[in-house]
């Protein structure tokens, strides 16, 4: 069931967050019809904030609104998925180039380190469920290395799509362990000031995610077009 809104505070933002968090879940299939009346009733609001949230989510690529038919969860072509992830990979590599003068600041590495959990802390079902958010924090911190508000803004615009992909990829402990080890290697490269190695590791990290999603695409009919 979709979350019910209980607190009338920042209503529009809360409705947007509730619907976004609902849609990025892997158990909500692509192409799901999003009825405004039903969503409004389940959340506990009028149709107006629901309609505004759906319009915003359409701009972010999570929702498709078809005239005279309504709103639907996006059903992406797999080639679009590859394109989006390669754009992310390129922007993260660029952030290293733009931010290398700031790497002498130990706070930079401490912030990245905090978003890499001890592997034993995520072996529980709760740990597995929480890891996609830690992964998001690590990659956002990589972008923050650039000290560029424009680069961060570009990433924010695509963040709901990235989070949807994370929930698809990071569903089991073995994949999460691989992700953690790859994050550690990226951090180690940055701590030694080896920017070319860091960029290569970022590329390998995202190529690994693309391969994993490709496997899911082959094994799960209808996941992508």
N, C-alpha and C. Protein backbone atom coordinates (compact mmCIF):
# COMPACT_ATOMS: atom_id res chain seq x y z
N UNK A 1 0.84 -1.20 0.00
CA UNK A 1 0.00 0.00 0.00
C UNK A 1 0.88 1.25 0.00
N UNK A 2 0.39 2.29 -0.65
CA UNK A 2 1.10 3.56 -0.66
C UNK A 2 0.95 4.23 0.70
N UNK A 3 1.96 5.00 1.10
CA UNK A 3 1.97 5.67 2.40
C UNK A 3 0.82 6.67 2.52
N UNK A 4 0.24 6.76 3.70
CA UNK A 4 -0.83 7.73 3.97
C UNK A 4 -0.24 8.97 4.62
N UNK A 5 -0.65 10.12 4.14
CA UNK A 5 -0.15 11.39 4.67
C UNK A 5 -0.88 11.72 5.97
N UNK A 6 -0.12 11.91 7.04
CA UNK A 6 -0.70 12.21 8.33
C UNK A 6 -0.43 13.63 8.81
N UNK A 7 0.59 14.27 8.29
CA UNK A 7 1.00 15.59 8.77
C UNK A 7 0.81 16.63 7.67
N UNK A 8 0.01 17.65 7.96
CA UNK A 8 -0.25 18.69 6.97
C UNK A 8 0.84 19.76 7.06
N UNK A 9 2.03 19.40 6.60
CA UNK A 9 3.16 20.31 6.64
C UNK A 9 3.90 20.18 5.31
N UNK A 10 4.15 21.33 4.66
CA UNK A 10 4.77 21.28 3.34
C UNK A 10 4.02 20.26 2.47
N UNK A 11 2.74 20.47 2.37
CA UNK A 11 1.85 19.48 1.76
C UNK A 11 2.30 19.05 0.37
N UNK A 12 2.58 20.01 -0.50
CA UNK A 12 2.93 19.67 -1.86
C UNK A 12 4.21 18.83 -1.93
N UNK A 13 5.22 19.23 -1.16
CA UNK A 13 6.48 18.48 -1.15
C UNK A 13 6.28 17.08 -0.60
N UNK A 14 5.47 16.96 0.44
CA UNK A 14 5.23 15.64 1.04
C UNK A 14 4.50 14.71 0.08
N UNK A 15 3.50 15.23 -0.62
CA UNK A 15 2.78 14.40 -1.59
C UNK A 15 3.72 13.95 -2.70
N UNK A 16 4.55 14.88 -3.17
CA UNK A 16 5.54 14.54 -4.20
C UNK A 16 6.46 13.43 -3.70
N UNK A 17 6.99 13.56 -2.48
CA UNK A 17 7.91 12.57 -1.94
C UNK A 17 7.23 11.21 -1.78
N UNK A 18 5.99 11.22 -1.31
CA UNK A 18 5.26 9.97 -1.11
C UNK A 18 5.07 9.24 -2.43
N UNK A 19 4.63 9.95 -3.45
CA UNK A 19 4.39 9.31 -4.75
C UNK A 19 5.70 8.88 -5.38
N UNK A 20 6.74 9.72 -5.28
CA UNK A 20 8.05 9.36 -5.84
C UNK A 20 8.57 8.08 -5.17
N UNK A 21 8.53 8.03 -3.84
CA UNK A 21 9.04 6.86 -3.12
C UNK A 21 8.24 5.61 -3.45
N UNK A 22 6.98 5.78 -3.74
CA UNK A 22 6.14 4.66 -4.18
C UNK A 22 6.57 4.16 -5.55
N UNK A 23 6.83 5.08 -6.47
CA UNK A 23 7.12 4.71 -7.85
C UNK A 23 8.50 4.12 -8.06
N UNK A 24 9.49 4.49 -7.24
CA UNK A 24 10.83 3.96 -7.45
C UNK A 24 10.98 2.54 -6.91
N UNK A 25 9.97 2.05 -6.20
CA UNK A 25 10.03 0.68 -5.68
C UNK A 25 9.96 -0.33 -6.80
N UNK A 26 10.77 -1.38 -6.74
CA UNK A 26 10.76 -2.38 -7.82
C UNK A 26 9.49 -3.20 -7.89
N UNK A 27 8.68 -3.21 -6.81
CA UNK A 27 7.45 -3.99 -6.83
C UNK A 27 6.29 -3.23 -7.49
N UNK A 28 6.55 -2.00 -7.93
CA UNK A 28 5.55 -1.25 -8.71
C UNK A 28 5.97 -1.36 -10.18
N UNK A 29 5.27 -2.16 -10.98
CA UNK A 29 5.72 -2.46 -12.34
C UNK A 29 5.70 -1.24 -13.25
N UNK A 30 6.62 -1.20 -14.22
CA UNK A 30 6.56 -0.15 -15.24
C UNK A 30 5.21 -0.18 -15.95
N UNK A 31 4.69 0.98 -16.26
CA UNK A 31 3.40 1.06 -16.94
C UNK A 31 2.21 1.09 -16.01
N UNK A 32 2.45 1.03 -14.68
CA UNK A 32 1.34 1.08 -13.72
C UNK A 32 0.54 2.36 -13.90
N UNK A 33 -0.79 2.21 -14.02
CA UNK A 33 -1.68 3.36 -14.20
C UNK A 33 -1.84 4.07 -12.85
N UNK A 34 -1.60 5.37 -12.85
CA UNK A 34 -1.64 6.16 -11.62
C UNK A 34 -2.91 7.01 -11.62
N UNK A 35 -3.95 6.50 -11.01
CA UNK A 35 -5.23 7.19 -10.97
C UNK A 35 -5.19 8.29 -9.90
N UNK A 36 -5.46 9.52 -10.31
CA UNK A 36 -5.38 10.65 -9.38
C UNK A 36 -6.34 10.48 -8.21
N UNK A 37 -7.57 10.09 -8.49
CA UNK A 37 -8.56 9.94 -7.42
C UNK A 37 -8.12 8.89 -6.40
N UNK A 38 -7.60 7.77 -6.90
CA UNK A 38 -7.19 6.69 -6.00
C UNK A 38 -5.99 7.11 -5.15
N UNK A 39 -5.02 7.75 -5.79
CA UNK A 39 -3.85 8.21 -5.04
C UNK A 39 -4.25 9.23 -3.98
N UNK A 40 -5.11 10.17 -4.36
CA UNK A 40 -5.55 11.20 -3.41
C UNK A 40 -6.25 10.57 -2.20
N UNK A 41 -7.09 9.58 -2.46
CA UNK A 41 -7.82 8.92 -1.38
C UNK A 41 -6.87 8.16 -0.47
N UNK A 42 -5.90 7.42 -1.06
CA UNK A 42 -4.99 6.60 -0.27
C UNK A 42 -4.03 7.46 0.56
N UNK A 43 -3.60 8.59 -0.01
CA UNK A 43 -2.68 9.47 0.71
C UNK A 43 -3.44 10.31 1.74
N UNK A 44 -4.68 10.66 1.40
CA UNK A 44 -5.49 11.47 2.31
C UNK A 44 -5.46 12.94 2.00
N UNK A 45 -5.44 13.29 0.69
CA UNK A 45 -5.40 14.69 0.26
C UNK A 45 -6.39 14.86 -0.90
N UNK A 46 -6.51 16.11 -1.36
CA UNK A 46 -7.33 16.37 -2.54
C UNK A 46 -6.55 15.99 -3.80
N UNK A 47 -7.20 16.06 -4.95
CA UNK A 47 -6.53 15.71 -6.21
C UNK A 47 -5.49 16.74 -6.62
N UNK A 48 -5.63 17.98 -6.18
CA UNK A 48 -4.75 19.04 -6.68
C UNK A 48 -3.27 18.78 -6.39
N UNK A 49 -2.85 18.49 -5.12
CA UNK A 49 -1.43 18.21 -4.90
C UNK A 49 -0.95 16.94 -5.59
N UNK A 50 -1.85 15.98 -5.78
CA UNK A 50 -1.49 14.75 -6.50
C UNK A 50 -1.20 15.07 -7.96
N UNK A 51 -2.06 15.87 -8.57
CA UNK A 51 -1.88 16.25 -9.97
C UNK A 51 -0.56 17.03 -10.15
N UNK A 52 -0.29 17.95 -9.22
CA UNK A 52 0.95 18.73 -9.31
C UNK A 52 2.18 17.84 -9.15
N UNK A 53 2.10 16.87 -8.24
CA UNK A 53 3.21 15.94 -8.03
C UNK A 53 3.46 15.09 -9.28
N UNK A 54 2.40 14.61 -9.89
CA UNK A 54 2.54 13.80 -11.11
C UNK A 54 3.15 14.62 -12.24
N UNK A 55 2.76 15.88 -12.35
CA UNK A 55 3.35 16.75 -13.38
C UNK A 55 4.84 16.95 -13.15
N UNK A 56 5.24 17.10 -11.89
CA UNK A 56 6.66 17.26 -11.58
C UNK A 56 7.42 15.97 -11.86
N UNK A 57 6.83 14.85 -11.51
CA UNK A 57 7.48 13.56 -11.74
C UNK A 57 7.59 13.24 -13.23
N UNK A 58 6.68 13.79 -14.02
CA UNK A 58 6.81 13.63 -15.47
C UNK A 58 8.05 14.36 -15.97
N UNK A 59 8.31 15.55 -15.44
CA UNK A 59 9.49 16.32 -15.83
C UNK A 59 10.77 15.60 -15.42
N UNK A 60 10.70 14.81 -14.36
CA UNK A 60 11.88 14.09 -13.87
C UNK A 60 12.03 12.72 -14.51
N UNK A 61 11.10 12.35 -15.39
CA UNK A 61 11.25 11.10 -16.13
C UNK A 61 10.70 9.87 -15.46
N UNK A 62 10.02 10.02 -14.32
CA UNK A 62 9.47 8.86 -13.60
C UNK A 62 8.06 8.53 -14.06
N UNK A 63 7.35 9.53 -14.54
CA UNK A 63 5.95 9.39 -14.94
C UNK A 63 5.78 9.82 -16.39
N UNK A 64 4.88 9.15 -17.08
CA UNK A 64 4.47 9.55 -18.43
C UNK A 64 2.99 9.90 -18.37
N UNK A 65 2.63 11.09 -18.83
CA UNK A 65 1.22 11.51 -18.86
C UNK A 65 0.74 11.50 -20.30
N UNK A 66 -0.28 10.68 -20.55
CA UNK A 66 -0.82 10.54 -21.90
C UNK A 66 -2.17 11.25 -21.98
N UNK A 67 -2.36 12.13 -22.96
CA UNK A 67 -3.64 12.84 -23.10
C UNK A 67 -4.82 11.89 -23.17
N UNK A 68 -5.85 12.20 -22.40
CA UNK A 68 -7.10 11.43 -22.37
C UNK A 68 -6.94 10.02 -21.80
N UNK A 69 -5.75 9.69 -21.30
CA UNK A 69 -5.55 8.36 -20.72
C UNK A 69 -5.12 8.44 -19.27
N UNK A 70 -4.27 9.41 -18.94
CA UNK A 70 -3.83 9.55 -17.56
C UNK A 70 -2.33 9.41 -17.40
N UNK A 71 -1.90 9.18 -16.16
CA UNK A 71 -0.48 9.09 -15.82
C UNK A 71 -0.09 7.63 -15.58
N UNK A 72 1.15 7.32 -15.97
CA UNK A 72 1.65 5.95 -15.84
C UNK A 72 3.10 6.00 -15.38
N UNK A 73 3.51 4.97 -14.61
CA UNK A 73 4.93 4.85 -14.29
C UNK A 73 5.69 4.60 -15.58
N UNK A 74 6.81 5.30 -15.74
CA UNK A 74 7.57 5.22 -16.98
C UNK A 74 8.01 3.78 -17.26
N UNK A 75 7.98 3.42 -18.52
CA UNK A 75 8.49 2.12 -18.97
C UNK A 75 9.63 2.42 -19.93
N UNK A 76 10.86 2.36 -19.42
CA UNK A 76 12.02 2.81 -20.17
C UNK A 76 12.52 1.77 -21.16
N UNK A 77 13.05 2.26 -22.26
CA UNK A 77 13.84 1.42 -23.14
C UNK A 77 15.15 1.10 -22.43
N UNK A 78 15.67 -0.12 -22.61
CA UNK A 78 16.92 -0.47 -21.94
C UNK A 78 18.07 0.40 -22.44
N UNK A 79 18.04 0.79 -23.69
CA UNK A 79 19.12 1.66 -24.20
C UNK A 79 19.08 3.03 -23.50
N UNK A 80 17.89 3.46 -23.06
CA UNK A 80 17.81 4.71 -22.30
C UNK A 80 18.46 4.54 -20.93
N UNK A 81 18.28 3.37 -20.32
CA UNK A 81 18.90 3.09 -19.03
C UNK A 81 20.42 3.17 -19.15
N UNK A 82 20.97 2.54 -20.17
CA UNK A 82 22.42 2.58 -20.40
C UNK A 82 22.89 4.02 -20.58
N UNK A 83 22.13 4.78 -21.36
CA UNK A 83 22.49 6.17 -21.62
C UNK A 83 22.52 7.00 -20.33
N UNK A 84 21.49 6.83 -19.50
CA UNK A 84 21.38 7.58 -18.25
C UNK A 84 22.54 7.25 -17.31
N UNK A 85 22.87 5.96 -17.19
CA UNK A 85 23.95 5.56 -16.29
C UNK A 85 25.31 6.02 -16.80
N UNK A 86 25.49 6.03 -18.10
CA UNK A 86 26.77 6.51 -18.65
C UNK A 86 26.91 8.02 -18.48
N UNK A 87 25.80 8.73 -18.53
CA UNK A 87 25.85 10.17 -18.23
C UNK A 87 26.28 10.36 -16.77
N UNK A 88 25.73 9.58 -15.86
CA UNK A 88 26.11 9.67 -14.45
C UNK A 88 27.60 9.36 -14.28
N UNK A 89 28.05 8.31 -14.94
CA UNK A 89 29.45 7.92 -14.87
C UNK A 89 30.36 9.07 -15.34
N UNK A 90 29.97 9.71 -16.42
CA UNK A 90 30.76 10.83 -16.97
C UNK A 90 30.78 12.01 -16.02
N UNK A 91 29.64 12.33 -15.41
CA UNK A 91 29.58 13.47 -14.50
C UNK A 91 30.39 13.22 -13.22
N UNK A 92 30.37 11.98 -12.73
CA UNK A 92 31.17 11.68 -11.54
C UNK A 92 32.66 11.76 -11.86
N UNK A 93 33.07 11.30 -13.03
CA UNK A 93 34.47 11.43 -13.43
C UNK A 93 34.86 12.90 -13.54
N UNK A 94 33.96 13.70 -14.09
CA UNK A 94 34.21 15.13 -14.22
C UNK A 94 34.36 15.78 -12.85
N UNK A 95 33.58 15.32 -11.88
CA UNK A 95 33.65 15.90 -10.54
C UNK A 95 35.04 15.73 -9.94
N UNK A 96 35.73 14.63 -10.26
CA UNK A 96 37.08 14.41 -9.75
C UNK A 96 38.04 15.43 -10.35
N UNK A 97 37.89 15.67 -11.64
CA UNK A 97 38.75 16.65 -12.29
C UNK A 97 38.53 18.06 -11.72
N UNK A 98 37.27 18.40 -11.54
CA UNK A 98 36.94 19.75 -11.07
C UNK A 98 37.31 19.97 -9.61
N UNK A 99 37.32 18.88 -8.82
CA UNK A 99 37.52 19.05 -7.38
C UNK A 99 38.86 18.63 -6.86
N UNK A 100 39.81 18.24 -7.74
CA UNK A 100 41.06 17.66 -7.26
C UNK A 100 41.86 18.61 -6.38
N UNK A 101 41.68 19.91 -6.55
CA UNK A 101 42.42 20.87 -5.71
C UNK A 101 41.93 20.86 -4.27
N UNK A 102 40.74 20.27 -4.03
CA UNK A 102 40.18 20.26 -2.69
C UNK A 102 40.49 18.96 -1.95
N UNK A 103 41.17 18.00 -2.61
CA UNK A 103 41.35 16.68 -2.01
C UNK A 103 42.27 16.67 -0.80
N UNK A 104 43.01 17.77 -0.59
CA UNK A 104 43.88 17.82 0.59
C UNK A 104 43.07 18.02 1.87
N UNK A 105 41.81 18.32 1.71
CA UNK A 105 40.92 18.52 2.87
C UNK A 105 40.46 17.15 3.39
N UNK A 106 40.89 16.78 4.59
CA UNK A 106 40.54 15.47 5.14
C UNK A 106 39.05 15.30 5.33
N UNK A 107 38.32 16.40 5.51
CA UNK A 107 36.87 16.31 5.68
C UNK A 107 36.21 15.69 4.45
N UNK A 108 36.81 15.91 3.29
CA UNK A 108 36.29 15.33 2.05
C UNK A 108 36.24 13.82 2.15
N UNK A 109 37.34 13.22 2.60
CA UNK A 109 37.42 11.77 2.68
C UNK A 109 36.59 11.22 3.84
N UNK A 110 36.51 11.98 4.91
CA UNK A 110 35.69 11.53 6.04
C UNK A 110 34.22 11.45 5.65
N UNK A 111 33.76 12.42 4.84
CA UNK A 111 32.37 12.41 4.39
C UNK A 111 32.09 11.20 3.51
N UNK A 112 33.02 10.89 2.61
CA UNK A 112 32.86 9.70 1.76
C UNK A 112 32.90 8.43 2.60
N UNK A 113 33.82 8.39 3.56
CA UNK A 113 33.97 7.20 4.40
C UNK A 113 32.69 6.89 5.18
N UNK A 114 32.00 7.93 5.65
CA UNK A 114 30.79 7.74 6.43
C UNK A 114 29.67 7.07 5.63
N UNK A 115 29.72 7.21 4.30
CA UNK A 115 28.68 6.61 3.48
C UNK A 115 29.08 5.23 2.96
N UNK A 116 30.18 4.66 3.49
CA UNK A 116 30.58 3.28 3.19
C UNK A 116 30.41 2.46 4.46
N UNK A 117 29.40 1.62 4.55
CA UNK A 117 29.14 0.89 5.79
C UNK A 117 30.09 -0.27 5.98
N UNK A 118 30.25 -0.69 7.22
CA UNK A 118 30.92 -1.96 7.50
C UNK A 118 30.02 -3.07 6.96
N UNK A 119 30.62 -4.01 6.26
CA UNK A 119 29.82 -5.02 5.57
C UNK A 119 28.96 -5.84 6.53
N UNK A 120 29.45 -6.03 7.77
CA UNK A 120 28.68 -6.82 8.74
C UNK A 120 27.41 -6.10 9.21
N UNK A 121 27.39 -4.78 9.05
CA UNK A 121 26.24 -4.00 9.50
C UNK A 121 25.07 -4.06 8.51
N UNK A 122 25.31 -4.61 7.33
CA UNK A 122 24.24 -4.63 6.32
C UNK A 122 23.85 -6.05 5.93
N UNK A 123 24.23 -7.03 6.73
CA UNK A 123 23.89 -8.41 6.39
C UNK A 123 22.49 -8.79 6.84
N UNK A 124 21.84 -7.95 7.61
CA UNK A 124 20.47 -8.21 8.03
C UNK A 124 19.50 -7.70 6.95
N UNK A 125 18.26 -8.18 6.95
CA UNK A 125 17.26 -7.66 6.00
C UNK A 125 17.11 -6.15 6.09
N UNK A 126 17.19 -5.61 7.30
CA UNK A 126 17.07 -4.16 7.48
C UNK A 126 18.27 -3.46 6.84
N UNK A 127 19.46 -4.04 7.01
CA UNK A 127 20.65 -3.45 6.41
C UNK A 127 20.59 -3.44 4.90
N UNK A 128 20.10 -4.53 4.32
CA UNK A 128 19.94 -4.61 2.87
C UNK A 128 18.95 -3.54 2.39
N UNK A 129 17.86 -3.38 3.14
CA UNK A 129 16.84 -2.40 2.77
C UNK A 129 17.37 -0.98 2.84
N UNK A 130 18.28 -0.72 3.78
CA UNK A 130 18.79 0.64 3.98
C UNK A 130 19.96 0.98 3.06
N UNK A 131 20.58 -0.03 2.45
CA UNK A 131 21.81 0.25 1.69
C UNK A 131 21.60 1.16 0.48
N UNK A 132 20.52 1.05 -0.29
CA UNK A 132 20.39 1.97 -1.44
C UNK A 132 20.52 3.44 -1.08
N UNK A 133 20.05 3.84 0.11
CA UNK A 133 20.20 5.23 0.53
C UNK A 133 21.66 5.56 0.82
N UNK A 134 22.40 4.62 1.40
CA UNK A 134 23.83 4.85 1.63
C UNK A 134 24.58 4.94 0.31
N UNK A 135 24.18 4.13 -0.64
CA UNK A 135 24.78 4.20 -1.97
C UNK A 135 24.51 5.57 -2.61
N UNK A 136 23.29 6.06 -2.44
CA UNK A 136 22.95 7.38 -2.97
C UNK A 136 23.83 8.45 -2.35
N UNK A 137 24.02 8.37 -1.04
CA UNK A 137 24.84 9.36 -0.35
C UNK A 137 26.28 9.33 -0.84
N UNK A 138 26.84 8.13 -1.04
CA UNK A 138 28.22 8.03 -1.51
C UNK A 138 28.38 8.70 -2.87
N UNK A 139 27.45 8.40 -3.78
CA UNK A 139 27.58 8.96 -5.14
C UNK A 139 27.28 10.46 -5.17
N UNK A 140 26.38 10.91 -4.32
CA UNK A 140 26.15 12.35 -4.24
C UNK A 140 27.39 13.05 -3.69
N UNK A 141 28.05 12.42 -2.73
CA UNK A 141 29.28 13.01 -2.18
C UNK A 141 30.40 13.06 -3.22
N UNK A 142 30.43 12.08 -4.11
CA UNK A 142 31.41 12.14 -5.21
C UNK A 142 31.17 13.38 -6.07
N UNK A 143 29.90 13.66 -6.36
CA UNK A 143 29.58 14.85 -7.16
C UNK A 143 29.93 16.12 -6.39
N UNK A 144 29.74 16.09 -5.08
CA UNK A 144 30.05 17.27 -4.27
C UNK A 144 31.55 17.59 -4.26
N UNK A 145 32.38 16.61 -4.60
CA UNK A 145 33.82 16.87 -4.67
C UNK A 145 34.14 17.97 -5.68
N UNK A 146 33.27 18.13 -6.66
CA UNK A 146 33.52 19.14 -7.70
C UNK A 146 33.40 20.56 -7.16
N UNK A 147 32.66 20.71 -6.05
CA UNK A 147 32.34 22.04 -5.51
C UNK A 147 31.60 22.88 -6.57
N UNK A 148 30.81 22.20 -7.38
CA UNK A 148 30.05 22.87 -8.44
C UNK A 148 28.56 22.70 -8.18
N UNK A 149 27.88 23.79 -7.91
CA UNK A 149 26.42 23.70 -7.69
C UNK A 149 25.70 23.31 -8.96
N UNK A 150 26.29 23.61 -10.13
CA UNK A 150 25.64 23.27 -11.40
C UNK A 150 25.69 21.76 -11.64
N UNK A 151 26.83 21.17 -11.33
CA UNK A 151 26.95 19.72 -11.50
C UNK A 151 26.00 18.99 -10.56
N UNK A 152 25.92 19.47 -9.33
CA UNK A 152 25.02 18.86 -8.35
C UNK A 152 23.57 19.01 -8.80
N UNK A 153 23.25 20.15 -9.37
CA UNK A 153 21.87 20.38 -9.83
C UNK A 153 21.52 19.43 -10.98
N UNK A 154 22.46 19.19 -11.88
CA UNK A 154 22.22 18.28 -12.99
C UNK A 154 21.93 16.87 -12.48
N UNK A 155 22.67 16.45 -11.46
CA UNK A 155 22.47 15.13 -10.88
C UNK A 155 21.12 15.04 -10.16
N UNK A 156 20.77 16.10 -9.44
CA UNK A 156 19.51 16.11 -8.70
C UNK A 156 18.32 15.91 -9.62
N UNK A 157 18.40 16.46 -10.82
CA UNK A 157 17.29 16.34 -11.76
C UNK A 157 17.03 14.90 -12.16
N UNK A 158 18.08 14.06 -12.12
CA UNK A 158 17.93 12.66 -12.52
C UNK A 158 17.91 11.70 -11.32
N UNK A 159 17.96 12.26 -10.12
CA UNK A 159 18.10 11.42 -8.93
C UNK A 159 16.99 10.38 -8.76
N UNK A 160 15.72 10.72 -9.02
CA UNK A 160 14.69 9.68 -8.87
C UNK A 160 14.92 8.47 -9.79
N UNK A 161 15.40 8.71 -11.00
CA UNK A 161 15.69 7.59 -11.90
C UNK A 161 16.84 6.75 -11.36
N UNK A 162 17.90 7.41 -10.89
CA UNK A 162 19.02 6.68 -10.32
C UNK A 162 18.58 5.83 -9.14
N UNK A 163 17.71 6.40 -8.30
CA UNK A 163 17.26 5.66 -7.13
C UNK A 163 16.41 4.46 -7.54
N UNK A 164 15.64 4.59 -8.58
CA UNK A 164 14.87 3.46 -9.10
C UNK A 164 15.79 2.34 -9.55
N UNK A 165 16.88 2.71 -10.24
CA UNK A 165 17.85 1.72 -10.69
C UNK A 165 18.56 1.07 -9.50
N UNK A 166 18.85 1.87 -8.46
CA UNK A 166 19.50 1.31 -7.26
C UNK A 166 18.65 0.21 -6.64
N UNK A 167 17.36 0.46 -6.50
CA UNK A 167 16.49 -0.54 -5.90
C UNK A 167 16.44 -1.82 -6.72
N UNK A 168 16.62 -1.69 -8.04
CA UNK A 168 16.65 -2.88 -8.90
C UNK A 168 17.95 -3.65 -8.74
N UNK A 169 19.07 -2.90 -8.64
CA UNK A 169 20.39 -3.53 -8.57
C UNK A 169 20.70 -4.09 -7.18
N UNK A 170 20.44 -3.29 -6.16
CA UNK A 170 20.94 -3.59 -4.82
C UNK A 170 19.88 -4.31 -3.99
N UNK A 171 19.52 -5.49 -4.44
CA UNK A 171 18.46 -6.25 -3.80
C UNK A 171 18.96 -7.43 -2.98
N UNK A 172 20.23 -7.81 -3.16
CA UNK A 172 20.75 -8.96 -2.43
C UNK A 172 22.12 -8.65 -1.87
N UNK A 173 22.51 -9.38 -0.85
CA UNK A 173 23.71 -9.07 -0.10
C UNK A 173 24.97 -9.22 -0.93
N UNK A 174 25.01 -10.16 -1.87
CA UNK A 174 26.22 -10.34 -2.67
C UNK A 174 26.47 -9.13 -3.56
N UNK A 175 25.42 -8.61 -4.16
CA UNK A 175 25.58 -7.42 -5.00
C UNK A 175 25.97 -6.21 -4.13
N UNK A 176 25.41 -6.12 -2.95
CA UNK A 176 25.74 -5.02 -2.04
C UNK A 176 27.20 -5.10 -1.60
N UNK A 177 27.67 -6.31 -1.28
CA UNK A 177 29.08 -6.48 -0.90
C UNK A 177 30.01 -6.01 -2.02
N UNK A 178 29.66 -6.34 -3.25
CA UNK A 178 30.47 -5.89 -4.39
C UNK A 178 30.46 -4.37 -4.48
N UNK A 179 29.30 -3.76 -4.28
CA UNK A 179 29.19 -2.31 -4.32
C UNK A 179 30.06 -1.67 -3.24
N UNK A 180 30.02 -2.20 -2.03
CA UNK A 180 30.81 -1.65 -0.93
C UNK A 180 32.29 -1.72 -1.24
N UNK A 181 32.75 -2.87 -1.77
CA UNK A 181 34.17 -3.02 -2.09
C UNK A 181 34.59 -2.05 -3.20
N UNK A 182 33.72 -1.85 -4.17
CA UNK A 182 34.04 -0.90 -5.24
C UNK A 182 34.12 0.53 -4.71
N UNK A 183 33.24 0.87 -3.79
CA UNK A 183 33.28 2.20 -3.16
C UNK A 183 34.59 2.39 -2.39
N UNK A 184 35.01 1.35 -1.67
CA UNK A 184 36.25 1.43 -0.90
C UNK A 184 37.45 1.69 -1.83
N UNK A 185 37.49 1.00 -2.96
CA UNK A 185 38.61 1.17 -3.89
C UNK A 185 38.63 2.58 -4.48
N UNK A 186 37.45 3.11 -4.77
CA UNK A 186 37.38 4.50 -5.28
C UNK A 186 37.93 5.46 -4.24
N UNK A 187 37.51 5.28 -2.98
CA UNK A 187 37.97 6.16 -1.91
C UNK A 187 39.48 6.05 -1.72
N UNK A 188 40.01 4.84 -1.75
CA UNK A 188 41.45 4.64 -1.58
C UNK A 188 42.23 5.36 -2.68
N UNK A 189 41.74 5.30 -3.90
CA UNK A 189 42.41 5.98 -5.01
C UNK A 189 42.42 7.49 -4.79
N UNK A 190 41.31 8.02 -4.32
CA UNK A 190 41.23 9.47 -4.09
C UNK A 190 42.12 9.91 -2.93
N UNK A 191 42.22 9.08 -1.91
CA UNK A 191 43.05 9.43 -0.76
C UNK A 191 44.53 9.48 -1.12
N UNK A 192 44.93 8.72 -2.13
CA UNK A 192 46.33 8.77 -2.58
C UNK A 192 46.53 9.80 -3.69
N UNK A 193 45.44 10.50 -4.06
CA UNK A 193 45.54 11.53 -5.08
C UNK A 193 45.62 11.00 -6.49
N UNK A 194 45.30 9.71 -6.68
CA UNK A 194 45.39 9.10 -8.01
C UNK A 194 44.07 9.31 -8.75
N UNK A 195 43.92 10.48 -9.37
CA UNK A 195 42.67 10.83 -10.06
C UNK A 195 42.40 9.91 -11.25
N UNK A 196 43.40 9.60 -12.11
CA UNK A 196 43.14 8.69 -13.24
C UNK A 196 42.61 7.32 -12.78
N UNK A 197 43.20 6.78 -11.69
CA UNK A 197 42.71 5.50 -11.17
C UNK A 197 41.29 5.65 -10.64
N UNK A 198 41.04 6.76 -9.92
CA UNK A 198 39.68 6.99 -9.42
C UNK A 198 38.66 7.02 -10.53
N UNK A 199 39.00 7.69 -11.62
CA UNK A 199 38.08 7.77 -12.76
C UNK A 199 37.86 6.40 -13.39
N UNK A 200 38.93 5.61 -13.49
CA UNK A 200 38.79 4.26 -14.05
C UNK A 200 37.92 3.38 -13.16
N UNK A 201 38.07 3.53 -11.86
CA UNK A 201 37.26 2.74 -10.92
C UNK A 201 35.79 3.15 -10.96
N UNK A 202 35.53 4.42 -11.13
CA UNK A 202 34.15 4.90 -11.28
C UNK A 202 33.54 4.31 -12.54
N UNK A 203 34.31 4.32 -13.62
CA UNK A 203 33.81 3.74 -14.88
C UNK A 203 33.49 2.25 -14.69
N UNK A 204 34.42 1.52 -14.05
CA UNK A 204 34.19 0.09 -13.84
C UNK A 204 32.98 -0.16 -12.95
N UNK A 205 32.79 0.71 -11.96
CA UNK A 205 31.66 0.59 -11.03
C UNK A 205 30.33 0.71 -11.77
N UNK A 206 30.22 1.71 -12.65
CA UNK A 206 28.97 1.91 -13.38
C UNK A 206 28.79 0.87 -14.48
N UNK A 207 29.89 0.43 -15.09
CA UNK A 207 29.78 -0.64 -16.09
C UNK A 207 29.26 -1.92 -15.43
N UNK A 208 29.69 -2.16 -14.19
CA UNK A 208 29.20 -3.31 -13.45
C UNK A 208 27.70 -3.20 -13.21
N UNK A 209 27.23 -2.00 -12.86
CA UNK A 209 25.79 -1.78 -12.66
C UNK A 209 25.02 -2.00 -13.95
N UNK A 210 25.58 -1.55 -15.08
CA UNK A 210 24.93 -1.73 -16.38
C UNK A 210 24.81 -3.21 -16.70
N UNK A 211 25.88 -3.97 -16.44
CA UNK A 211 25.84 -5.41 -16.69
C UNK A 211 24.78 -6.10 -15.83
N UNK A 212 24.68 -5.67 -14.57
CA UNK A 212 23.71 -6.27 -13.66
C UNK A 212 22.28 -5.98 -14.14
N UNK A 213 22.03 -4.74 -14.55
CA UNK A 213 20.70 -4.40 -15.05
C UNK A 213 20.41 -5.11 -16.38
N UNK A 214 21.46 -5.30 -17.19
CA UNK A 214 21.28 -6.05 -18.43
C UNK A 214 20.86 -7.48 -18.17
N UNK A 215 21.44 -8.09 -17.14
CA UNK A 215 21.05 -9.45 -16.76
C UNK A 215 19.60 -9.49 -16.31
N UNK A 216 19.21 -8.51 -15.50
CA UNK A 216 17.82 -8.45 -15.03
C UNK A 216 16.86 -8.21 -16.21
N UNK A 217 17.30 -7.42 -17.17
CA UNK A 217 16.50 -7.16 -18.38
C UNK A 217 16.23 -8.45 -19.14
N UNK A 218 17.25 -9.29 -19.25
CA UNK A 218 17.10 -10.56 -19.97
C UNK A 218 16.25 -11.55 -19.20
N UNK A 219 16.35 -11.51 -17.88
CA UNK A 219 15.68 -12.51 -17.05
C UNK A 219 14.28 -12.12 -16.62
N UNK A 220 13.95 -10.81 -16.76
CA UNK A 220 12.64 -10.32 -16.30
C UNK A 220 11.91 -9.65 -17.46
N UNK A 221 11.11 -10.40 -18.19
CA UNK A 221 10.36 -9.78 -19.31
C UNK A 221 9.48 -8.63 -18.82
N UNK A 222 9.52 -7.54 -19.55
CA UNK A 222 8.68 -6.40 -19.22
C UNK A 222 9.32 -5.38 -18.32
N UNK A 223 10.51 -5.71 -17.76
CA UNK A 223 11.19 -4.77 -16.86
C UNK A 223 11.57 -3.49 -17.61
N UNK A 224 12.14 -3.66 -18.81
CA UNK A 224 12.45 -2.56 -19.72
C UNK A 224 11.94 -2.93 -21.10
N UNK A 225 11.77 -1.94 -21.95
CA UNK A 225 11.30 -2.21 -23.30
C UNK A 225 12.47 -2.60 -24.20
